[in-house]
PDB file of N, CA and C in Angstrom:
ATOM      1  N   UNK A   1      93.267  76.824  80.986  1.00  0.00           N
ATOM      2  CA  UNK A   1      94.464  76.215  80.482  1.00  0.00           C
ATOM      3  C   UNK A   1      95.671  77.105  80.641  1.00  0.00           C
ATOM      4  N   UNK A   2      96.765  76.631  80.127  1.00  0.00           N
ATOM      5  CA  UNK A   2      98.039  77.335  80.254  1.00  0.00           C
ATOM      6  C   UNK A   2      98.047  78.656  79.509  1.00  0.00           C
ATOM      7  N   UNK A   3      97.377  78.724  78.381  1.00  0.00           N
ATOM      8  CA  UNK A   3      97.461  79.904  77.537  1.00  0.00           C
ATOM      9  C   UNK A   3      96.517  81.015  77.972  1.00  0.00           C
ATOM     10  N   UNK A   4      95.715  80.788  78.984  1.00  0.00           N
ATOM     11  CA  UNK A   4      94.811  81.827  79.461  1.00  0.00           C
ATOM     12  C   UNK A   4      94.732  81.753  80.976  1.00  0.00           C
ATOM     13  N   UNK A   5      94.117  82.767  81.572  1.00  0.00           N
ATOM     14  CA  UNK A   5      93.922  82.750  83.011  1.00  0.00           C
ATOM     15  C   UNK A   5      94.893  83.633  83.750  1.00  0.00           C
ATOM     16  N   UNK A   6      94.861  83.492  85.042  1.00  0.00           N
ATOM     17  CA  UNK A   6      95.669  84.281  85.951  1.00  0.00           C
ATOM     18  C   UNK A   6      97.166  84.004  85.716  1.00  0.00           C
ATOM     19  N   UNK A   7      97.998  85.069  85.593  1.00  0.00           N
ATOM     20  CA  UNK A   7      99.432  84.852  85.352  1.00  0.00           C
ATOM     21  C   UNK A   7     100.114  84.009  86.431  1.00  0.00           C
ATOM     22  N   UNK A   8      99.728  84.173  87.695  1.00  0.00           N
ATOM     23  CA  UNK A   8     100.379  83.372  88.736  1.00  0.00           C
ATOM     24  C   UNK A   8      99.992  81.903  88.626  1.00  0.00           C
ATOM     25  N   UNK A   9      98.744  81.628  88.199  1.00  0.00           N
ATOM     26  CA  UNK A   9      98.342  80.240  87.955  1.00  0.00           C
ATOM     27  C   UNK A   9      99.125  79.649  86.794  1.00  0.00           C
ATOM     28  N   UNK A  10      99.338  80.465  85.761  1.00  0.00           N
ATOM     29  CA  UNK A  10     100.124  80.002  84.605  1.00  0.00           C
ATOM     30  C   UNK A  10     101.544  79.682  85.030  1.00  0.00           C
ATOM     31  N   UNK A  11     102.095  80.514  85.910  1.00  0.00           N
ATOM     32  CA  UNK A  11     103.457  80.299  86.376  1.00  0.00           C
ATOM     33  C   UNK A  11     103.575  78.967  87.110  1.00  0.00           C
ATOM     34  N   UNK A  12     102.634  78.688  87.993  1.00  0.00           N
ATOM     35  CA  UNK A  12     102.649  77.421  88.733  1.00  0.00           C
ATOM     36  C   UNK A  12     102.529  76.251  87.773  1.00  0.00           C
ATOM     37  N   UNK A  13     101.642  76.383  86.789  1.00  0.00           N
ATOM     38  CA  UNK A  13     101.457  75.300  85.820  1.00  0.00           C
ATOM     39  C   UNK A  13     102.705  75.113  84.962  1.00  0.00           C
ATOM     40  N   UNK A  14     103.318  76.229  84.541  1.00  0.00           N
ATOM     41  CA  UNK A  14     104.552  76.134  83.751  1.00  0.00           C
ATOM     42  C   UNK A  14     105.652  75.439  84.548  1.00  0.00           C
ATOM     43  N   UNK A  15     105.802  75.822  85.805  1.00  0.00           N
ATOM     44  CA  UNK A  15     106.837  75.215  86.626  1.00  0.00           C
ATOM     45  C   UNK A  15     106.597  73.721  86.810  1.00  0.00           C
ATOM     46  N   UNK A  16     105.343  73.342  86.981  1.00  0.00           N
ATOM     47  CA  UNK A  16     105.044  71.926  87.201  1.00  0.00           C
ATOM     48  C   UNK A  16     105.285  71.078  85.950  1.00  0.00           C
ATOM     49  N   UNK A  17     105.246  71.713  84.770  1.00  0.00           N
ATOM     50  CA  UNK A  17     105.436  70.966  83.521  1.00  0.00           C
ATOM     51  C   UNK A  17     106.851  71.069  82.964  1.00  0.00           C
ATOM     52  N   UNK A  18     107.680  71.857  83.622  1.00  0.00           N
ATOM     53  CA  UNK A  18     109.034  72.094  83.114  1.00  0.00           C
ATOM     54  C   UNK A  18     109.817  70.793  82.920  1.00  0.00           C
ATOM     55  N   UNK A  19     109.937  69.975  83.937  1.00  0.00           N
ATOM     56  CA  UNK A  19     110.699  68.725  83.817  1.00  0.00           C
ATOM     57  C   UNK A  19     110.066  67.726  82.844  1.00  0.00           C
ATOM     58  N   UNK A  20     108.749  67.469  82.962  1.00  0.00           N
ATOM     59  CA  UNK A  20     108.174  66.483  82.029  1.00  0.00           C
ATOM     60  C   UNK A  20     108.344  66.860  80.555  1.00  0.00           C
ATOM     61  N   UNK A  21     108.187  68.125  80.237  1.00  0.00           N
ATOM     62  CA  UNK A  21     108.320  68.543  78.834  1.00  0.00           C
ATOM     63  C   UNK A  21     109.787  68.553  78.414  1.00  0.00           C
ATOM     64  N   UNK A  22     110.646  69.017  79.308  1.00  0.00           N
ATOM     65  CA  UNK A  22     112.066  69.115  78.971  1.00  0.00           C
ATOM     66  C   UNK A  22     112.682  67.746  78.696  1.00  0.00           C
ATOM     67  N   UNK A  23     112.293  66.752  79.467  1.00  0.00           N
ATOM     68  CA  UNK A  23     112.952  65.450  79.366  1.00  0.00           C
ATOM     69  C   UNK A  23     112.117  64.383  78.646  1.00  0.00           C
ATOM     70  N   UNK A  24     111.050  64.798  77.981  1.00  0.00           N
ATOM     71  CA  UNK A  24     110.255  63.809  77.239  1.00  0.00           C
ATOM     72  C   UNK A  24     110.960  63.429  75.930  1.00  0.00           C
ATOM     73  N   UNK A  25     110.589  62.285  75.383  1.00  0.00           N
ATOM     74  CA  UNK A  25     111.135  61.827  74.104  1.00  0.00           C
ATOM     75  C   UNK A  25     110.132  62.184  73.008  1.00  0.00           C
ATOM     76  N   UNK A  26     110.378  63.264  72.303  1.00  0.00           N
ATOM     77  CA  UNK A  26     109.468  63.730  71.264  1.00  0.00           C
ATOM     78  C   UNK A  26     110.106  63.448  69.911  1.00  0.00           C
ATOM     79  N   UNK A  27     109.343  62.863  68.988  1.00  0.00           N
ATOM     80  CA  UNK A  27     109.901  62.462  67.695  1.00  0.00           C
ATOM     81  C   UNK A  27     108.973  62.920  66.563  1.00  0.00           C
ATOM     82  N   UNK A  28     109.442  62.816  65.326  1.00  0.00           N
ATOM     83  CA  UNK A  28     108.579  63.144  64.186  1.00  0.00           C
ATOM     84  C   UNK A  28     107.289  62.323  64.180  1.00  0.00           C
ATOM     85  N   UNK A  29     107.341  61.100  64.674  1.00  0.00           N
ATOM     86  CA  UNK A  29     106.131  60.265  64.725  1.00  0.00           C
ATOM     87  C   UNK A  29     105.070  60.912  65.595  1.00  0.00           C
ATOM     88  N   UNK A  30     105.509  61.606  66.658  1.00  0.00           N
ATOM     89  CA  UNK A  30     104.552  62.307  67.516  1.00  0.00           C
ATOM     90  C   UNK A  30     103.835  63.411  66.754  1.00  0.00           C
ATOM     91  N   UNK A  31     104.534  64.039  65.826  1.00  0.00           N
ATOM     92  CA  UNK A  31     103.911  65.089  65.010  1.00  0.00           C
ATOM     93  C   UNK A  31     102.889  64.458  64.065  1.00  0.00           C
ATOM     94  N   UNK A  32     103.270  63.365  63.434  1.00  0.00           N
ATOM     95  CA  UNK A  32     102.373  62.686  62.490  1.00  0.00           C
ATOM     96  C   UNK A  32     101.131  62.117  63.169  1.00  0.00           C
ATOM     97  N   UNK A  33     101.291  61.652  64.408  1.00  0.00           N
ATOM     98  CA  UNK A  33     100.198  60.985  65.109  1.00  0.00           C
ATOM     99  C   UNK A  33      99.268  61.934  65.866  1.00  0.00           C
ATOM    100  N   UNK A  34      99.517  63.228  65.797  1.00  0.00           N
ATOM    101  CA  UNK A  34      98.684  64.200  66.512  1.00  0.00           C
ATOM    102  C   UNK A  34      98.154  65.253  65.554  1.00  0.00           C
ATOM    103  N   UNK A  35      97.100  65.902  65.956  1.00  0.00           N
ATOM    104  CA  UNK A  35      96.494  66.928  65.105  1.00  0.00           C
ATOM    105  C   UNK A  35      97.374  68.175  65.068  1.00  0.00           C
ATOM    106  N   UNK A  36      97.157  68.988  64.050  1.00  0.00           N
ATOM    107  CA  UNK A  36      97.872  70.256  63.925  1.00  0.00           C
ATOM    108  C   UNK A  36      97.596  71.120  65.147  1.00  0.00           C
ATOM    109  N   UNK A  37      96.359  71.072  65.640  1.00  0.00           N
ATOM    110  CA  UNK A  37      95.991  71.849  66.810  1.00  0.00           C
ATOM    111  C   UNK A  37      96.810  71.418  68.036  1.00  0.00           C
ATOM    112  N   UNK A  38      96.985  70.123  68.214  1.00  0.00           N
ATOM    113  CA  UNK A  38      97.773  69.620  69.355  1.00  0.00           C
ATOM    114  C   UNK A  38      99.231  70.054  69.250  1.00  0.00           C
ATOM    115  N   UNK A  39      99.800  69.935  68.057  1.00  0.00           N
ATOM    116  CA  UNK A  39     101.194  70.329  67.851  1.00  0.00           C
ATOM    117  C   UNK A  39     101.332  71.840  68.034  1.00  0.00           C
ATOM    118  N   UNK A  40     100.351  72.603  67.563  1.00  0.00           N
ATOM    119  CA  UNK A  40     100.359  74.051  67.730  1.00  0.00           C
ATOM    120  C   UNK A  40     100.332  74.425  69.209  1.00  0.00           C
ATOM    121  N   UNK A  41      99.513  73.730  69.991  1.00  0.00           N
ATOM    122  CA  UNK A  41      99.459  73.992  71.432  1.00  0.00           C
ATOM    123  C   UNK A  41     100.788  73.668  72.102  1.00  0.00           C
ATOM    124  N   UNK A  42     101.430  72.607  71.633  1.00  0.00           N
ATOM    125  CA  UNK A  42     102.738  72.255  72.174  1.00  0.00           C
ATOM    126  C   UNK A  42     103.755  73.359  71.887  1.00  0.00           C
ATOM    127  N   UNK A  43     103.748  73.865  70.663  1.00  0.00           N
ATOM    128  CA  UNK A  43     104.673  74.941  70.297  1.00  0.00           C
ATOM    129  C   UNK A  43     104.380  76.187  71.138  1.00  0.00           C
ATOM    130  N   UNK A  44     103.110  76.518  71.326  1.00  0.00           N
ATOM    131  CA  UNK A  44     102.745  77.673  72.155  1.00  0.00           C
ATOM    132  C   UNK A  44     103.220  77.469  73.594  1.00  0.00           C
ATOM    133  N   UNK A  45     103.046  76.264  74.095  1.00  0.00           N
ATOM    134  CA  UNK A  45     103.513  75.968  75.442  1.00  0.00           C
ATOM    135  C   UNK A  45     105.028  76.137  75.532  1.00  0.00           C
ATOM    136  N   UNK A  46     105.740  75.643  74.539  1.00  0.00           N
ATOM    137  CA  UNK A  46     107.200  75.763  74.535  1.00  0.00           C
ATOM    138  C   UNK A  46     107.614  77.230  74.492  1.00  0.00           C
ATOM    139  N   UNK A  47     106.868  78.050  73.744  1.00  0.00           N
ATOM    140  CA  UNK A  47     107.158  79.477  73.708  1.00  0.00           C
ATOM    141  C   UNK A  47     106.962  80.108  75.085  1.00  0.00           C
ATOM    142  N   UNK A  48     105.874  79.746  75.756  1.00  0.00           N
ATOM    143  CA  UNK A  48     105.638  80.251  77.105  1.00  0.00           C
ATOM    144  C   UNK A  48     106.733  79.794  78.064  1.00  0.00           C
ATOM    145  N   UNK A  49     107.151  78.569  77.902  1.00  0.00           N
ATOM    146  CA  UNK A  49     108.196  78.028  78.748  1.00  0.00           C
ATOM    147  C   UNK A  49     109.505  78.797  78.550  1.00  0.00           C
ATOM    148  N   UNK A  50     109.840  79.071  77.309  1.00  0.00           N
ATOM    149  CA  UNK A  50     111.053  79.845  77.022  1.00  0.00           C
ATOM    150  C   UNK A  50     110.940  81.265  77.580  1.00  0.00           C
ATOM    151  N   UNK A  51     109.777  81.865  77.434  1.00  0.00           N
ATOM    152  CA  UNK A  51     109.557  83.205  77.980  1.00  0.00           C
ATOM    153  C   UNK A  51     109.745  83.190  79.501  1.00  0.00           C
ATOM    154  N   UNK A  52     109.207  82.165  80.145  1.00  0.00           N
ATOM    155  CA  UNK A  52     109.341  82.017  81.593  1.00  0.00           C
ATOM    156  C   UNK A  52     110.815  81.880  81.987  1.00  0.00           C
ATOM    157  N   UNK A  53     111.553  81.044  81.278  1.00  0.00           N
ATOM    158  CA  UNK A  53     112.965  80.841  81.586  1.00  0.00           C
ATOM    159  C   UNK A  53     113.777  82.111  81.359  1.00  0.00           C
ATOM    160  N   UNK A  54     113.471  82.844  80.293  1.00  0.00           N
ATOM    161  CA  UNK A  54     114.157  84.113  80.043  1.00  0.00           C
ATOM    162  C   UNK A  54     113.853  85.123  81.146  1.00  0.00           C
ATOM    163  N   UNK A  55     112.622  85.126  81.612  1.00  0.00           N
ATOM    164  CA  UNK A  55     112.245  86.015  82.702  1.00  0.00           C
ATOM    165  C   UNK A  55     113.002  85.649  83.982  1.00  0.00           C
ATOM    166  N   UNK A  56     113.108  84.356  84.262  1.00  0.00           N
ATOM    167  CA  UNK A  56     113.871  83.897  85.431  1.00  0.00           C
ATOM    168  C   UNK A  56     115.325  84.341  85.321  1.00  0.00           C
ATOM    169  N   UNK A  57     115.892  84.173  84.144  1.00  0.00           N
ATOM    170  CA  UNK A  57     117.277  84.567  83.915  1.00  0.00           C
ATOM    171  C   UNK A  57     117.451  86.076  84.129  1.00  0.00           C
ATOM    172  N   UNK A  58     116.543  86.859  83.600  1.00  0.00           N
ATOM    173  CA  UNK A  58     116.604  88.313  83.761  1.00  0.00           C
ATOM    174  C   UNK A  58     116.528  88.697  85.240  1.00  0.00           C
ATOM    175  N   UNK A  59     115.641  88.039  85.986  1.00  0.00           N
ATOM    176  CA  UNK A  59     115.532  88.319  87.422  1.00  0.00           C
ATOM    177  C   UNK A  59     116.812  87.961  88.164  1.00  0.00           C
ATOM    178  N   UNK A  60     117.432  86.858  87.771  1.00  0.00           N
ATOM    179  CA  UNK A  60     118.689  86.465  88.411  1.00  0.00           C
ATOM    180  C   UNK A  60     119.796  87.469  88.101  1.00  0.00           C
ATOM    181  N   UNK A  61     119.884  87.930  86.859  1.00  0.00           N
ATOM    182  CA  UNK A  61     120.888  88.938  86.502  1.00  0.00           C
ATOM    183  C   UNK A  61     120.663  90.225  87.296  1.00  0.00           C
ATOM    184  N   UNK A  62     119.413  90.624  87.434  1.00  0.00           N
ATOM    185  CA  UNK A  62     119.082  91.836  88.186  1.00  0.00           C
ATOM    186  C   UNK A  62     119.501  91.675  89.655  1.00  0.00           C
ATOM    187  N   UNK A  63     119.215  90.521  90.224  1.00  0.00           N
ATOM    188  CA  UNK A  63     119.582  90.266  91.613  1.00  0.00           C
ATOM    189  C   UNK A  63     121.098  90.274  91.786  1.00  0.00           C
ATOM    190  N   UNK A  64     121.806  89.645  90.873  1.00  0.00           N
ATOM    191  CA  UNK A  64     123.272  89.622  90.936  1.00  0.00           C
ATOM    192  C   UNK A  64     123.832  91.039  90.844  1.00  0.00           C
ATOM    193  N   UNK A  65     123.293  91.830  89.927  1.00  0.00           N
ATOM    194  CA  UNK A  65     123.754  93.214  89.767  1.00  0.00           C
ATOM    195  C   UNK A  65     123.517  94.009  91.055  1.00  0.00           C
ATOM    196  N   UNK A  66     122.328  93.864  91.653  1.00  0.00           N
ATOM    197  CA  UNK A  66     122.013  94.573  92.897  1.00  0.00           C
ATOM    198  C   UNK A  66     122.934  94.136  94.034  1.00  0.00           C
ATOM    199  N   UNK A  67     123.192  92.828  94.123  1.00  0.00           N
ATOM    200  CA  UNK A  67     124.078  92.332  95.176  1.00  0.00           C
ATOM    201  C   UNK A  67     125.518  92.810  94.970  1.00  0.00           C
ATOM    202  N   UNK A  68     125.956  92.872  93.730  1.00  0.00           N
ATOM    203  CA  UNK A  68     127.304  93.388  93.445  1.00  0.00           C
ATOM    204  C   UNK A  68     127.422  94.855  93.820  1.00  0.00           C
ATOM    205  N   UNK A  69     126.357  95.634  93.582  1.00  0.00           N
ATOM    206  CA  UNK A  69     126.364  97.044  93.971  1.00  0.00           C
ATOM    207  C   UNK A  69     126.437  97.180  95.490  1.00  0.00           C
ATOM    208  N   UNK A  70     125.667  96.351  96.200  1.00  0.00           N
ATOM    209  CA  UNK A  70     125.715  96.373  97.667  1.00  0.00           C
ATOM    210  C   UNK A  70     127.098  95.977  98.170  1.00  0.00           C
ATOM    211  N   UNK A  71     127.688  94.971  97.531  1.00  0.00           N
ATOM    212  CA  UNK A  71     129.023  94.528  97.920  1.00  0.00           C
ATOM    213  C   UNK A  71     130.041  95.643  97.721  1.00  0.00           C
ATOM    214  N   UNK A  72     129.963  96.340  96.601  1.00  0.00           N
ATOM    215  CA  UNK A  72     130.894  97.435  96.325  1.00  0.00           C
ATOM    216  C   UNK A  72     130.755  98.531  97.382  1.00  0.00           C
ATOM    217  N   UNK A  73     129.516  98.877  97.749  1.00  0.00           N
ATOM    218  CA  UNK A  73     129.292  99.892  98.787  1.00  0.00           C
ATOM    219  C   UNK A  73     129.834  99.411 100.129  1.00  0.00           C
ATOM    220  N   UNK A  74     129.654  98.128 100.425  1.00  0.00           N
ATOM    221  CA  UNK A  74     130.157  97.577 101.681  1.00  0.00           C
ATOM    222  C   UNK A  74     131.677  97.616 101.730  1.00  0.00           C
ATOM    223  N   UNK A  75     132.312  97.330 100.592  1.00  0.00           N
ATOM    224  CA  UNK A  75     133.773  97.373 100.554  1.00  0.00           C
ATOM    225  C   UNK A  75     134.277  98.798 100.784  1.00  0.00           C
ATOM    226  N   UNK A  76     133.604  99.770 100.191  1.00  0.00           N
ATOM    227  CA  UNK A  76     133.992 101.170 100.385  1.00  0.00           C
ATOM    228  C   UNK A  76     133.846 101.543 101.859  1.00  0.00           C
ATOM    229  N   UNK A  77     132.726 101.137 102.455  1.00  0.00           N
ATOM    230  CA  UNK A  77     132.491 101.436 103.875  1.00  0.00           C
ATOM    231  C   UNK A  77     133.523 100.731 104.751  1.00  0.00           C
ATOM    232  N   UNK A  78     133.852  99.493 104.435  1.00  0.00           N
ATOM    233  CA  UNK A  78     134.847  98.738 105.196  1.00  0.00           C
ATOM    234  C   UNK A  78     136.209  99.412 105.113  1.00  0.00           C
ATOM    235  N   UNK A  79     136.592  99.858 103.925  1.00  0.00           N
ATOM    236  CA  UNK A  79     137.872 100.556 103.763  1.00  0.00           C
ATOM    237  C   UNK A  79     137.904 101.840 104.588  1.00  0.00           C
ATOM    238  N   UNK A  80     136.799 102.556 104.602  1.00  0.00           N
ATOM    239  CA  UNK A  80     136.714 103.790 105.390  1.00  0.00           C
ATOM    240  C   UNK A  80     136.876 103.480 106.878  1.00  0.00           C
ATOM    241  N   UNK A  81     136.199 102.423 107.351  1.00  0.00           N
ATOM    242  CA  UNK A  81     136.315 102.034 108.754  1.00  0.00           C
ATOM    243  C   UNK A  81     137.732 101.589 109.096  1.00  0.00           C
ATOM    244  N   UNK A  82     138.389 100.895 108.178  1.00  0.00           N
ATOM    245  CA  UNK A  82     139.772 100.480 108.409  1.00  0.00           C
ATOM    246  C   UNK A  82     140.686 101.690 108.559  1.00  0.00           C
ATOM    247  N   UNK A  83     140.494 102.694 107.683  1.00  0.00           N
ATOM    248  CA  UNK A  83     141.312 103.914 107.773  1.00  0.00           C
ATOM    249  C   UNK A  83     141.057 104.637 109.099  1.00  0.00           C
ATOM    250  N   UNK A  84     139.786 104.701 109.503  1.00  0.00           N
ATOM    251  CA  UNK A  84     139.451 105.345 110.776  1.00  0.00           C
ATOM    252  C   UNK A  84     140.050 104.571 111.943  1.00  0.00           C
ATOM    253  N   UNK A  85     140.044 103.257 111.862  1.00  0.00           N
ATOM    254  CA  UNK A  85     140.618 102.424 112.913  1.00  0.00           C
ATOM    255  C   UNK A  85     142.117 102.667 113.032  1.00  0.00           C
ATOM    256  N   UNK A  86     142.801 102.752 111.911  1.00  0.00           N
ATOM    257  CA  UNK A  86     144.247 103.015 111.912  1.00  0.00           C
ATOM    258  C   UNK A  86     144.520 104.379 112.540  1.00  0.00           C
ATOM    259  N   UNK A  87     143.722 105.382 112.147  1.00  0.00           N
ATOM    260  CA  UNK A  87     143.907 106.726 112.706  1.00  0.00           C
ATOM    261  C   UNK A  87     143.654 106.726 114.211  1.00  0.00           C
ATOM    262  N   UNK A  88     142.644 105.996 114.649  1.00  0.00           N
ATOM    263  CA  UNK A  88     142.341 105.917 116.084  1.00  0.00           C
ATOM    264  C   UNK A  88     143.466 105.234 116.840  1.00  0.00           C
ATOM    265  N   UNK A  89     144.019 104.175 116.272  1.00  0.00           N
ATOM    266  CA  UNK A  89     145.152 103.484 116.912  1.00  0.00           C
ATOM    267  C   UNK A  89     146.349 104.420 117.041  1.00  0.00           C
ATOM    268  N   UNK A  90     146.585 105.224 116.013  1.00  0.00           N
ATOM    269  CA  UNK A  90     147.689 106.192 116.063  1.00  0.00           C
ATOM    270  C   UNK A  90     147.434 107.224 117.162  1.00  0.00           C
ATOM    271  N   UNK A  91     146.185 107.672 117.270  1.00  0.00           N
ATOM    272  CA  UNK A  91     145.838 108.627 118.327  1.00  0.00           C
ATOM    273  C   UNK A  91     146.057 108.013 119.702  1.00  0.00           C
ATOM    274  N   UNK A  92     145.678 106.754 119.866  1.00  0.00           N
ATOM    275  CA  UNK A  92     145.862 106.058 121.144  1.00  0.00           C
ATOM    276  C   UNK A  92     147.348 105.979 121.486  1.00  0.00           C
ATOM    277  N   UNK A  93     148.178 105.681 120.503  1.00  0.00           N
ATOM    278  CA  UNK A  93     149.631 105.619 120.731  1.00  0.00           C
ATOM    279  C   UNK A  93     150.171 106.969 121.182  1.00  0.00           C
ATOM    280  N   UNK A  94     149.697 108.035 120.534  1.00  0.00           N
ATOM    281  CA  UNK A  94     150.146 109.392 120.909  1.00  0.00           C
ATOM    282  C   UNK A  94     149.744 109.698 122.344  1.00  0.00           C
ATOM    283  N   UNK A  95     148.500 109.382 122.689  1.00  0.00           N
ATOM    284  CA  UNK A  95     148.022 109.660 124.050  1.00  0.00           C
ATOM    285  C   UNK A  95     148.775 108.829 125.076  1.00  0.00           C
ATOM    286  N   UNK A  96     149.085 107.588 124.738  1.00  0.00           N
ATOM    287  CA  UNK A  96     149.821 106.721 125.656  1.00  0.00           C
ATOM    288  C   UNK A  96     151.229 107.287 125.898  1.00  0.00           C
ATOM    289  N   UNK A  97     151.882 107.804 124.840  1.00  0.00           N
ATOM    290  CA  UNK A  97     153.214 108.387 124.991  1.00  0.00           C
ATOM    291  C   UNK A  97     153.157 109.637 125.851  1.00  0.00           C
ATOM    292  N   UNK A  98     152.071 110.400 125.662  1.00  0.00           N
ATOM    293  CA  UNK A  98     151.952 111.637 126.466  1.00  0.00           C
ATOM    294  C   UNK A  98     151.715 111.325 127.933  1.00  0.00           C
ATOM    295  N   UNK A  99     151.031 110.201 128.204  1.00  0.00           N
ATOM    296  CA  UNK A  99     150.731 109.841 129.581  1.00  0.00           C
ATOM    297  C   UNK A  99     151.924 109.197 130.293  1.00  0.00           C
ATOM    298  N   UNK A 100     152.892 108.660 129.525  1.00  0.00           N
ATOM    299  CA  UNK A 100     154.002 107.987 130.166  1.00  0.00           C
ATOM    300  C   UNK A 100     155.120 108.928 130.537  1.00  0.00           C
TER     301      UNK A 100
END
């Protein structure tokens, strides 16, 4: 079941149940018409689902942070190349004047 077994199997099962559980119509009558054990399993499943979503969110934040760091390094490198390009153009102008 969902509460035991291989973590990757649990992940696949959680993902497959995300939409049905999220968009189901659950009411107090559902609590009254089911055993405490069934309701307890539902709550445990919801806890796992929330844990999964928080983990996804954390991974996305980590990825965004890493990409922002790469972008910052790229901007620094681009600025350095632009400065070198300007200096090279100035050198070319000097050499052209000397040759004329």
